[in-house]
Amino acid sequence: MGAQKNRPQDEPETSNTIKDPDDWKTGEEPMTGAQSSYLHTLASEAGEEVDEHLSKAEASKRIDELQDKTGRGKDA
């Protein structure tokens, strides 16, 4: 029972823990170093280029696209 204590119980699809990047208050800020690093990794695997001037929100969307393309970051 103790292992389940910290695990979220069946969160509804509309959970506020997942926000659309277009709704982020800081979405227009430059992408973070972590986003840039991961984007470069994904882009390299996908054979694509990275726009160095993406905002946080744009980078998040691009990460999602490249994860779909490469199969990385998805549950098995």
PDB file of N, CA and C in Angstrom:
ATOM      1  N   MET A   1       0.821  -1.201   0.000  1.00  0.00           N
ATOM      2  CA  MET A   1       0.000   0.000   0.000  1.00  0.00           C
ATOM      3  C   MET A   1       0.859   1.257   0.000  1.00  0.00           C
ATOM      4  N   GLY A   2       2.006   1.234   0.668  1.00  0.00           N
ATOM      5  CA  GLY A   2       2.859   2.402   0.741  1.00  0.00           C
ATOM      6  C   GLY A   2       3.360   2.870  -0.607  1.00  0.00           C
ATOM      7  N   ALA A   3       3.592   1.952  -1.567  1.00  0.00           N
ATOM      8  CA  ALA A   3       4.095   2.322  -2.883  1.00  0.00           C
ATOM      9  C   ALA A   3       3.063   3.114  -3.673  1.00  0.00           C
ATOM     10  N   GLN A   4       1.797   2.927  -3.387  1.00  0.00           N
ATOM     11  CA  GLN A   4       0.764   3.626  -4.128  1.00  0.00           C
ATOM     12  C   GLN A   4       0.440   4.996  -3.539  1.00  0.00           C
ATOM     13  N   LYS A   5       0.960   5.297  -2.364  1.00  0.00           N
ATOM     14  CA  LYS A   5       0.628   6.540  -1.681  1.00  0.00           C
ATOM     15  C   LYS A   5       0.982   7.774  -2.510  1.00  0.00           C
ATOM     16  N   ASN A   6       2.145   7.768  -3.181  1.00  0.00           N
ATOM     17  CA  ASN A   6       2.596   8.935  -3.935  1.00  0.00           C
ATOM     18  C   ASN A   6       2.167   8.917  -5.393  1.00  0.00           C
ATOM     19  N   ARG A   7       1.541   7.850  -5.836  1.00  0.00           N
ATOM     20  CA  ARG A   7       1.113   7.742  -7.223  1.00  0.00           C
ATOM     21  C   ARG A   7      -0.238   8.403  -7.414  1.00  0.00           C
ATOM     22  N   PRO A   8      -0.386   9.259  -8.440  1.00  0.00           N
ATOM     23  CA  PRO A   8      -1.689   9.902  -8.654  1.00  0.00           C
ATOM     24  C   PRO A   8      -2.757   8.875  -8.997  1.00  0.00           C
ATOM     25  N   GLN A   9      -3.919   9.073  -8.478  1.00  0.00           N
ATOM     26  CA  GLN A   9      -5.051   8.215  -8.800  1.00  0.00           C
ATOM     27  C   GLN A   9      -5.615   8.664 -10.129  1.00  0.00           C
ATOM     28  N   ASP A  10      -6.039   7.765 -10.943  1.00  0.00           N
ATOM     29  CA  ASP A  10      -6.612   8.012 -12.268  1.00  0.00           C
ATOM     30  C   ASP A  10      -7.035   9.460 -12.480  1.00  0.00           C
ATOM     31  N   GLU A  11      -6.072  10.290 -12.941  1.00  0.00           N
ATOM     32  CA  GLU A  11      -6.361  11.694 -13.202  1.00  0.00           C
ATOM     33  C   GLU A  11      -7.235  11.807 -14.446  1.00  0.00           C
ATOM     34  N   PRO A  12      -8.213  12.669 -14.412  1.00  0.00           N
ATOM     35  CA  PRO A  12      -9.045  12.863 -15.604  1.00  0.00           C
ATOM     36  C   PRO A  12      -8.234  13.514 -16.726  1.00  0.00           C
ATOM     37  N   GLU A  13      -8.652  13.334 -17.967  1.00  0.00           N
ATOM     38  CA  GLU A  13      -7.988  13.926 -19.128  1.00  0.00           C
ATOM     39  C   GLU A  13      -7.853  15.430 -18.999  1.00  0.00           C
ATOM     40  N   THR A  14      -8.760  16.075 -18.306  1.00  0.00           N
ATOM     41  CA  THR A  14      -8.759  17.525 -18.191  1.00  0.00           C
ATOM     42  C   THR A  14      -7.959  18.019 -16.986  1.00  0.00           C
ATOM     43  N   SER A  15      -7.062  17.206 -16.491  1.00  0.00           N
ATOM     44  CA  SER A  15      -6.246  17.592 -15.342  1.00  0.00           C
ATOM     45  C   SER A  15      -5.516  18.899 -15.626  1.00  0.00           C
ATOM     46  N   ASN A  16      -5.392  19.749 -14.609  1.00  0.00           N
ATOM     47  CA  ASN A  16      -4.691  21.016 -14.804  1.00  0.00           C
ATOM     48  C   ASN A  16      -3.182  20.853 -14.713  1.00  0.00           C
ATOM     49  N   THR A  17      -2.687  19.621 -14.562  1.00  0.00           N
ATOM     50  CA  THR A  17      -1.250  19.408 -14.532  1.00  0.00           C
ATOM     51  C   THR A  17      -0.657  19.385 -15.931  1.00  0.00           C
ATOM     52  N   ILE A  18      -1.496  19.290 -16.957  1.00  0.00           N
ATOM     53  CA  ILE A  18      -1.032  19.307 -18.334  1.00  0.00           C
ATOM     54  C   ILE A  18      -1.710  20.472 -19.041  1.00  0.00           C
ATOM     55  N   LYS A  19      -0.898  21.473 -19.389  1.00  0.00           N
ATOM     56  CA  LYS A  19      -1.438  22.659 -20.050  1.00  0.00           C
ATOM     57  C   LYS A  19      -0.954  22.713 -21.487  1.00  0.00           C
ATOM     58  N   ASP A  20      -1.778  23.236 -22.342  1.00  0.00           N
ATOM     59  CA  ASP A  20      -1.398  23.482 -23.720  1.00  0.00           C
ATOM     60  C   ASP A  20      -0.298  24.539 -23.701  1.00  0.00           C
ATOM     61  N   PRO A  21       0.813  24.304 -24.411  1.00  0.00           N
ATOM     62  CA  PRO A  21       1.891  25.297 -24.419  1.00  0.00           C
ATOM     63  C   PRO A  21       1.423  26.693 -24.828  1.00  0.00           C
ATOM     64  N   ASP A  22       0.384  26.788 -25.639  1.00  0.00           N
ATOM     65  CA  ASP A  22      -0.131  28.102 -26.032  1.00  0.00           C
ATOM     66  C   ASP A  22      -0.707  28.865 -24.845  1.00  0.00           C
ATOM     67  N   ASP A  23      -1.026  28.163 -23.765  1.00  0.00           N
ATOM     68  CA  ASP A  23      -1.602  28.783 -22.575  1.00  0.00           C
ATOM     69  C   ASP A  23      -0.569  29.079 -21.488  1.00  0.00           C
ATOM     70  N   TRP A  24       0.695  28.744 -21.715  1.00  0.00           N
ATOM     71  CA  TRP A  24       1.737  28.982 -20.715  1.00  0.00           C
ATOM     72  C   TRP A  24       1.985  30.475 -20.558  1.00  0.00           C
ATOM     73  N   LYS A  25       2.101  30.934 -19.322  1.00  0.00           N
ATOM     74  CA  LYS A  25       2.398  32.346 -19.068  1.00  0.00           C
ATOM     75  C   LYS A  25       3.806  32.711 -19.527  1.00  0.00           C
ATOM     76  N   THR A  26       4.722  31.749 -19.496  1.00  0.00           N
ATOM     77  CA  THR A  26       6.107  32.004 -19.898  1.00  0.00           C
ATOM     78  C   THR A  26       6.410  31.397 -21.265  1.00  0.00           C
ATOM     79  N   GLY A  27       5.393  31.057 -22.015  1.00  0.00           N
ATOM     80  CA  GLY A  27       5.566  30.377 -23.294  1.00  0.00           C
ATOM     81  C   GLY A  27       6.326  31.155 -24.344  1.00  0.00           C
ATOM     82  N   GLU A  28       6.309  32.478 -24.236  1.00  0.00           N
ATOM     83  CA  GLU A  28       7.002  33.300 -25.235  1.00  0.00           C
ATOM     84  C   GLU A  28       8.474  33.523 -24.894  1.00  0.00           C
ATOM     85  N   GLU A  29       8.895  33.088 -23.710  1.00  0.00           N
ATOM     86  CA  GLU A  29      10.305  33.214 -23.345  1.00  0.00           C
ATOM     87  C   GLU A  29      11.134  32.252 -24.188  1.00  0.00           C
ATOM     88  N   PRO A  30      12.438  32.518 -24.332  1.00  0.00           N
ATOM     89  CA  PRO A  30      13.286  31.598 -25.104  1.00  0.00           C
ATOM     90  C   PRO A  30      13.273  30.196 -24.490  1.00  0.00           C
ATOM     91  N   MET A  31      13.454  29.196 -25.349  1.00  0.00           N
ATOM     92  CA  MET A  31      13.470  27.821 -24.845  1.00  0.00           C
ATOM     93  C   MET A  31      14.581  27.667 -23.815  1.00  0.00           C
ATOM     94  N   THR A  32      14.386  26.708 -22.931  1.00  0.00           N
ATOM     95  CA  THR A  32      15.358  26.452 -21.877  1.00  0.00           C
ATOM     96  C   THR A  32      16.541  25.654 -22.430  1.00  0.00           C
ATOM     97  N   GLY A  33      17.601  25.601 -21.661  1.00  0.00           N
ATOM     98  CA  GLY A  33      18.761  24.801 -22.050  1.00  0.00           C
ATOM     99  C   GLY A  33      18.410  23.332 -22.173  1.00  0.00           C
ATOM    100  N   ALA A  34      17.566  22.842 -21.276  1.00  0.00           N
ATOM    101  CA  ALA A  34      17.155  21.437 -21.322  1.00  0.00           C
ATOM    102  C   ALA A  34      16.350  21.151 -22.589  1.00  0.00           C
ATOM    103  N   GLN A  35      15.455  22.067 -22.941  1.00  0.00           N
ATOM    104  CA  GLN A  35      14.676  21.895 -24.169  1.00  0.00           C
ATOM    105  C   GLN A  35      15.607  21.875 -25.386  1.00  0.00           C
ATOM    106  N   SER A  36      16.539  22.795 -25.431  1.00  0.00           N
ATOM    107  CA  SER A  36      17.468  22.876 -26.552  1.00  0.00           C
ATOM    108  C   SER A  36      18.271  21.588 -26.690  1.00  0.00           C
ATOM    109  N   SER A  37      18.776  21.103 -25.596  1.00  0.00           N
ATOM    110  CA  SER A  37      19.568  19.876 -25.608  1.00  0.00           C
ATOM    111  C   SER A  37      18.753  18.687 -26.120  1.00  0.00           C
ATOM    112  N   TYR A  38      17.538  18.527 -25.590  1.00  0.00           N
ATOM    113  CA  TYR A  38      16.692  17.411 -25.990  1.00  0.00           C
ATOM    114  C   TYR A  38      16.255  17.551 -27.446  1.00  0.00           C
ATOM    115  N   LEU A  39      15.946  18.779 -27.864  1.00  0.00           N
ATOM    116  CA  LEU A  39      15.584  19.024 -29.265  1.00  0.00           C
ATOM    117  C   LEU A  39      16.716  18.616 -30.201  1.00  0.00           C
ATOM    118  N   HIS A  40      17.940  18.952 -29.846  1.00  0.00           N
ATOM    119  CA  HIS A  40      19.081  18.581 -30.683  1.00  0.00           C
ATOM    120  C   HIS A  40      19.229  17.063 -30.762  1.00  0.00           C
ATOM    121  N   THR A  41      19.014  16.389 -29.651  1.00  0.00           N
ATOM    122  CA  THR A  41      19.088  14.927 -29.648  1.00  0.00           C
ATOM    123  C   THR A  41      18.024  14.336 -30.560  1.00  0.00           C
ATOM    124  N   LEU A  42      16.780  14.793 -30.385  1.00  0.00           N
ATOM    125  CA  LEU A  42      15.682  14.276 -31.201  1.00  0.00           C
ATOM    126  C   LEU A  42      15.874  14.615 -32.677  1.00  0.00           C
ATOM    127  N   ALA A  43      16.263  15.844 -32.965  1.00  0.00           N
ATOM    128  CA  ALA A  43      16.445  16.275 -34.344  1.00  0.00           C
ATOM    129  C   ALA A  43      17.542  15.470 -35.026  1.00  0.00           C
ATOM    130  N   SER A  44      18.606  15.194 -34.297  1.00  0.00           N
ATOM    131  CA  SER A  44      19.694  14.391 -34.845  1.00  0.00           C
ATOM    132  C   SER A  44      19.192  12.999 -35.222  1.00  0.00           C
ATOM    133  N   GLU A  45      18.416  12.398 -34.347  1.00  0.00           N
ATOM    134  CA  GLU A  45      17.860  11.070 -34.610  1.00  0.00           C
ATOM    135  C   GLU A  45      16.871  11.094 -35.775  1.00  0.00           C
ATOM    136  N   ALA A  46      16.147  12.203 -35.925  1.00  0.00           N
ATOM    137  CA  ALA A  46      15.137  12.311 -36.977  1.00  0.00           C
ATOM    138  C   ALA A  46      15.720  12.860 -38.282  1.00  0.00           C
ATOM    139  N   GLY A  47      16.987  13.269 -38.265  1.00  0.00           N
ATOM    140  CA  GLY A  47      17.601  13.840 -39.451  1.00  0.00           C
ATOM    141  C   GLY A  47      17.044  15.207 -39.806  1.00  0.00           C
ATOM    142  N   GLU A  48      16.707  15.983 -38.790  1.00  0.00           N
ATOM    143  CA  GLU A  48      16.116  17.311 -39.008  1.00  0.00           C
ATOM    144  C   GLU A  48      16.954  18.388 -38.337  1.00  0.00           C
ATOM    145  N   GLU A  49      16.672  19.628 -38.701  1.00  0.00           N
ATOM    146  CA  GLU A  49      17.362  20.795 -38.151  1.00  0.00           C
ATOM    147  C   GLU A  49      16.587  21.345 -36.951  1.00  0.00           C
ATOM    148  N   VAL A  50      17.295  22.127 -36.119  1.00  0.00           N
ATOM    149  CA  VAL A  50      16.675  22.783 -34.969  1.00  0.00           C
ATOM    150  C   VAL A  50      16.745  24.287 -35.166  1.00  0.00           C
ATOM    151  N   ASP A  51      15.613  24.948 -35.020  1.00  0.00           N
ATOM    152  CA  ASP A  51      15.565  26.408 -35.030  1.00  0.00           C
ATOM    153  C   ASP A  51      16.022  26.874 -33.651  1.00  0.00           C
ATOM    154  N   GLU A  52      17.130  27.571 -33.598  1.00  0.00           N
ATOM    155  CA  GLU A  52      17.718  27.998 -32.323  1.00  0.00           C
ATOM    156  C   GLU A  52      16.935  29.109 -31.642  1.00  0.00           C
ATOM    157  N   HIS A  53      15.954  29.675 -32.311  1.00  0.00           N
ATOM    158  CA  HIS A  53      15.236  30.832 -31.777  1.00  0.00           C
ATOM    159  C   HIS A  53      13.798  30.511 -31.384  1.00  0.00           C
ATOM    160  N   LEU A  54      13.523  29.274 -31.029  1.00  0.00           N
ATOM    161  CA  LEU A  54      12.172  28.891 -30.624  1.00  0.00           C
ATOM    162  C   LEU A  54      11.862  29.403 -29.217  1.00  0.00           C
ATOM    163  N   SER A  55      10.596  29.680 -28.982  1.00  0.00           N
ATOM    164  CA  SER A  55      10.148  30.013 -27.624  1.00  0.00           C
ATOM    165  C   SER A  55       9.961  28.711 -26.849  1.00  0.00           C
ATOM    166  N   LYS A  56       9.714  28.822 -25.559  1.00  0.00           N
ATOM    167  CA  LYS A  56       9.450  27.633 -24.738  1.00  0.00           C
ATOM    168  C   LYS A  56       8.272  26.837 -25.283  1.00  0.00           C
ATOM    169  N   ALA A  57       7.207  27.541 -25.634  1.00  0.00           N
ATOM    170  CA  ALA A  57       6.010  26.868 -26.136  1.00  0.00           C
ATOM    171  C   ALA A  57       6.282  26.197 -27.479  1.00  0.00           C
ATOM    172  N   GLU A  58       6.970  26.906 -28.376  1.00  0.00           N
ATOM    173  CA  GLU A  58       7.288  26.329 -29.687  1.00  0.00           C
ATOM    174  C   GLU A  58       8.200  25.121 -29.545  1.00  0.00           C
ATOM    175  N   ALA A  59       9.175  25.219 -28.643  1.00  0.00           N
ATOM    176  CA  ALA A  59      10.094  24.104 -28.417  1.00  0.00           C
ATOM    177  C   ALA A  59       9.342  22.885 -27.889  1.00  0.00           C
ATOM    178  N   SER A  60       8.407  23.115 -26.990  1.00  0.00           N
ATOM    179  CA  SER A  60       7.623  22.012 -26.443  1.00  0.00           C
ATOM    180  C   SER A  60       6.839  21.288 -27.541  1.00  0.00           C
ATOM    181  N   LYS A  61       6.224  22.070 -28.422  1.00  0.00           N
ATOM    182  CA  LYS A  61       5.469  21.482 -29.535  1.00  0.00           C
ATOM    183  C   LYS A  61       6.388  20.714 -30.481  1.00  0.00           C
ATOM    184  N   ARG A  62       7.566  21.284 -30.738  1.00  0.00           N
ATOM    185  CA  ARG A  62       8.525  20.624 -31.643  1.00  0.00           C
ATOM    186  C   ARG A  62       9.037  19.331 -31.019  1.00  0.00           C
ATOM    187  N   ILE A  63       9.254  19.336 -29.718  1.00  0.00           N
ATOM    188  CA  ILE A  63       9.662  18.115 -29.018  1.00  0.00           C
ATOM    189  C   ILE A  63       8.600  17.042 -29.198  1.00  0.00           C
ATOM    190  N   ASP A  64       7.333  17.406 -29.013  1.00  0.00           N
ATOM    191  CA  ASP A  64       6.242  16.448 -29.200  1.00  0.00           C
ATOM    192  C   ASP A  64       6.255  15.866 -30.613  1.00  0.00           C
ATOM    193  N   GLU A  65       6.439  16.737 -31.612  1.00  0.00           N
ATOM    194  CA  GLU A  65       6.469  16.281 -33.004  1.00  0.00           C
ATOM    195  C   GLU A  65       7.608  15.293 -33.238  1.00  0.00           C
ATOM    196  N   LEU A  66       8.792  15.640 -32.740  1.00  0.00           N
ATOM    197  CA  LEU A  66       9.954  14.782 -32.961  1.00  0.00           C
ATOM    198  C   LEU A  66       9.879  13.498 -32.153  1.00  0.00           C
ATOM    199  N   GLN A  67       9.247  13.550 -30.987  1.00  0.00           N
ATOM    200  CA  GLN A  67       9.041  12.317 -30.227  1.00  0.00           C
ATOM    201  C   GLN A  67       8.131  11.370 -31.006  1.00  0.00           C
ATOM    202  N   ASP A  68       7.091  11.919 -31.615  1.00  0.00           N
ATOM    203  CA  ASP A  68       6.208  11.092 -32.442  1.00  0.00           C
ATOM    204  C   ASP A  68       6.968  10.480 -33.597  1.00  0.00           C
ATOM    205  N   LYS A  69       7.832  11.271 -34.221  1.00  0.00           N
ATOM    206  CA  LYS A  69       8.585  10.808 -35.381  1.00  0.00           C
ATOM    207  C   LYS A  69       9.617   9.751 -35.001  1.00  0.00           C
ATOM    208  N   THR A  70      10.288   9.939 -33.865  1.00  0.00           N
ATOM    209  CA  THR A  70      11.367   9.030 -33.471  1.00  0.00           C
ATOM    210  C   THR A  70      10.909   7.902 -32.554  1.00  0.00           C
ATOM    211  N   GLY A  71       9.737   8.052 -31.930  1.00  0.00           N
ATOM    212  CA  GLY A  71       9.281   7.047 -30.970  1.00  0.00           C
ATOM    213  C   GLY A  71       9.899   7.209 -29.597  1.00  0.00           C
ATOM    214  N   ARG A  72      10.698   8.249 -29.420  1.00  0.00           N
ATOM    215  CA  ARG A  72      11.326   8.519 -28.114  1.00  0.00           C
ATOM    216  C   ARG A  72      10.348   9.189 -27.167  1.00  0.00           C
ATOM    217  N   GLY A  73      10.518   8.927 -25.875  1.00  0.00           N
ATOM    218  CA  GLY A  73       9.730   9.621 -24.872  1.00  0.00           C
ATOM    219  C   GLY A  73       8.302   9.138 -24.754  1.00  0.00           C
ATOM    220  N   LYS A  74       7.959   8.097 -25.468  1.00  0.00           N
ATOM    221  CA  LYS A  74       6.600   7.562 -25.410  1.00  0.00           C
ATOM    222  C   LYS A  74       6.592   6.292 -24.583  1.00  0.00           C
ATOM    223  N   ASP A  75       5.479   6.026 -23.919  1.00  0.00           N
ATOM    224  CA  ASP A  75       5.363   4.792 -23.140  1.00  0.00           C
ATOM    225  C   ASP A  75       5.407   3.596 -24.070  1.00  0.00           C
ATOM    226  N   ALA A  76       6.067   2.571 -23.603  1.00  0.00           N
ATOM    227  CA  ALA A  76       6.181   1.345 -24.413  1.00  0.00           C
ATOM    228  C   ALA A  76       4.891   0.554 -24.409  1.00  0.00           C
TER     229      ALA A  76
END
